Amino acid sequence: MAGTTGRMQPSGFRAPDLHPAARCGTQISVLNFFVRIFVNTFGITQPAPGTEARAGRFIALMLTGLLVLLAAVASLLRAAFVR
């Protein structure tokens, strides 16, 4: 073991994280990805982090509502045509 001194690492030492997401410097969730797509598509001014989180919750609520609506329509159509 050439070059080792046998000493312990300093207390502030952190071993490097070798996970690919940690190496790129930023991590983005799926919801943040959709918020940024929405903001960039409609030309909205880039929001502050707190506002971006609130927009993310609103967009998630809208998408959930849309999925519930589509499921209800599909259920009604299925019930109408399966008889």
Protein backbone atom coordinates (compact mmCIF):
# COMPACT_ATOMS: atom_id res chain seq x y z
CA MET A 1 0.00 0.00 0.00
CA ALA A 2 2.25 2.73 -1.25
CA GLY A 3 1.33 6.27 -0.29
CA THR A 4 -0.83 5.51 2.75
CA THR A 5 0.10 6.91 6.12
CA GLY A 6 -2.18 4.75 8.25
CA ARG A 7 -3.95 7.84 9.62
CA MET A 8 -7.69 8.24 9.89
CA GLN A 9 -9.44 10.61 7.51
CA PRO A 10 -10.23 14.14 8.76
CA SER A 11 -13.62 14.53 10.42
CA GLY A 12 -15.04 16.55 7.49
CA PHE A 13 -13.99 13.97 4.89
CA ARG A 14 -16.69 12.49 2.68
CA ALA A 15 -16.05 9.64 0.32
CA PRO A 16 -17.12 10.46 -3.24
CA ASP A 17 -20.52 9.18 -4.26
CA LEU A 18 -20.12 7.01 -7.33
CA HIS A 19 -23.81 6.89 -8.27
CA PRO A 20 -24.33 8.36 -11.79
CA ALA A 21 -27.04 10.79 -10.60
CA ALA A 22 -24.68 12.18 -7.95
CA ARG A 23 -21.94 12.78 -10.49
CA CYS A 24 -24.05 14.98 -12.77
CA GLY A 25 -24.50 17.57 -10.03
CA THR A 26 -28.29 17.90 -10.13
CA GLN A 27 -31.11 15.52 -9.46
CA ILE A 28 -34.52 16.15 -10.93
CA SER A 29 -37.75 14.40 -10.07
CA VAL A 30 -40.33 13.46 -12.64
CA LEU A 31 -42.67 16.14 -11.30
CA ASN A 32 -39.98 18.84 -11.53
CA PHE A 33 -39.30 17.70 -15.09
CA PHE A 34 -42.98 18.24 -16.01
CA VAL A 35 -43.04 21.62 -14.25
CA ARG A 36 -40.02 22.79 -16.23
CA ILE A 37 -41.52 21.48 -19.49
CA PHE A 38 -44.77 23.33 -18.70
CA VAL A 39 -42.98 26.56 -17.79
CA ASN A 40 -40.73 26.46 -20.86
CA THR A 41 -43.56 25.51 -23.24
CA PHE A 42 -45.85 28.35 -22.25
CA GLY A 43 -43.07 30.92 -21.86
CA ILE A 44 -43.70 31.56 -18.18
CA THR A 45 -40.99 33.38 -16.22
CA GLN A 46 -38.78 30.90 -14.32
CA PRO A 47 -40.32 30.54 -10.85
CA ALA A 48 -38.53 30.64 -7.53
CA PRO A 49 -37.96 27.22 -5.91
CA GLY A 50 -40.93 27.60 -3.55
CA THR A 51 -43.22 28.68 -6.35
CA GLU A 52 -41.92 25.85 -8.53
CA ALA A 53 -42.84 23.34 -5.80
CA ARG A 54 -46.34 24.83 -5.53
CA ALA A 55 -46.72 24.70 -9.32
CA GLY A 56 -45.61 21.07 -9.20
CA ARG A 57 -48.32 20.21 -6.71
CA PHE A 58 -50.91 22.03 -8.85
CA ILE A 59 -49.81 20.23 -12.03
CA ALA A 60 -49.86 16.88 -10.21
CA LEU A 61 -53.40 17.65 -9.00
CA MET A 62 -54.47 18.56 -12.56
CA LEU A 63 -52.95 15.37 -14.00
CA THR A 64 -54.62 13.26 -11.30
CA GLY A 65 -57.95 14.92 -12.01
CA LEU A 66 -57.52 14.28 -15.73
CA LEU A 67 -56.76 10.60 -15.11
CA VAL A 68 -59.83 10.26 -12.87
CA LEU A 69 -61.99 11.95 -15.51
CA LEU A 70 -60.67 9.68 -18.27
CA ALA A 71 -61.25 6.60 -16.12
CA ALA A 72 -64.83 7.71 -15.42
CA VAL A 73 -65.55 8.32 -19.12
CA ALA A 74 -64.00 4.97 -20.06
CA SER A 75 -66.10 3.22 -17.41
CA LEU A 76 -69.28 4.88 -18.66
CA LEU A 77 -68.53 4.04 -22.27
CA ARG A 78 -67.73 0.47 -21.38
CA ALA A 79 -70.95 0.13 -19.41
CA ALA A 80 -72.95 1.57 -22.33
CA PHE A 81 -71.49 -0.73 -25.00
CA VAL A 82 -70.97 -4.00 -23.11
CA ARG A 83 -74.65 -4.65 -22.35
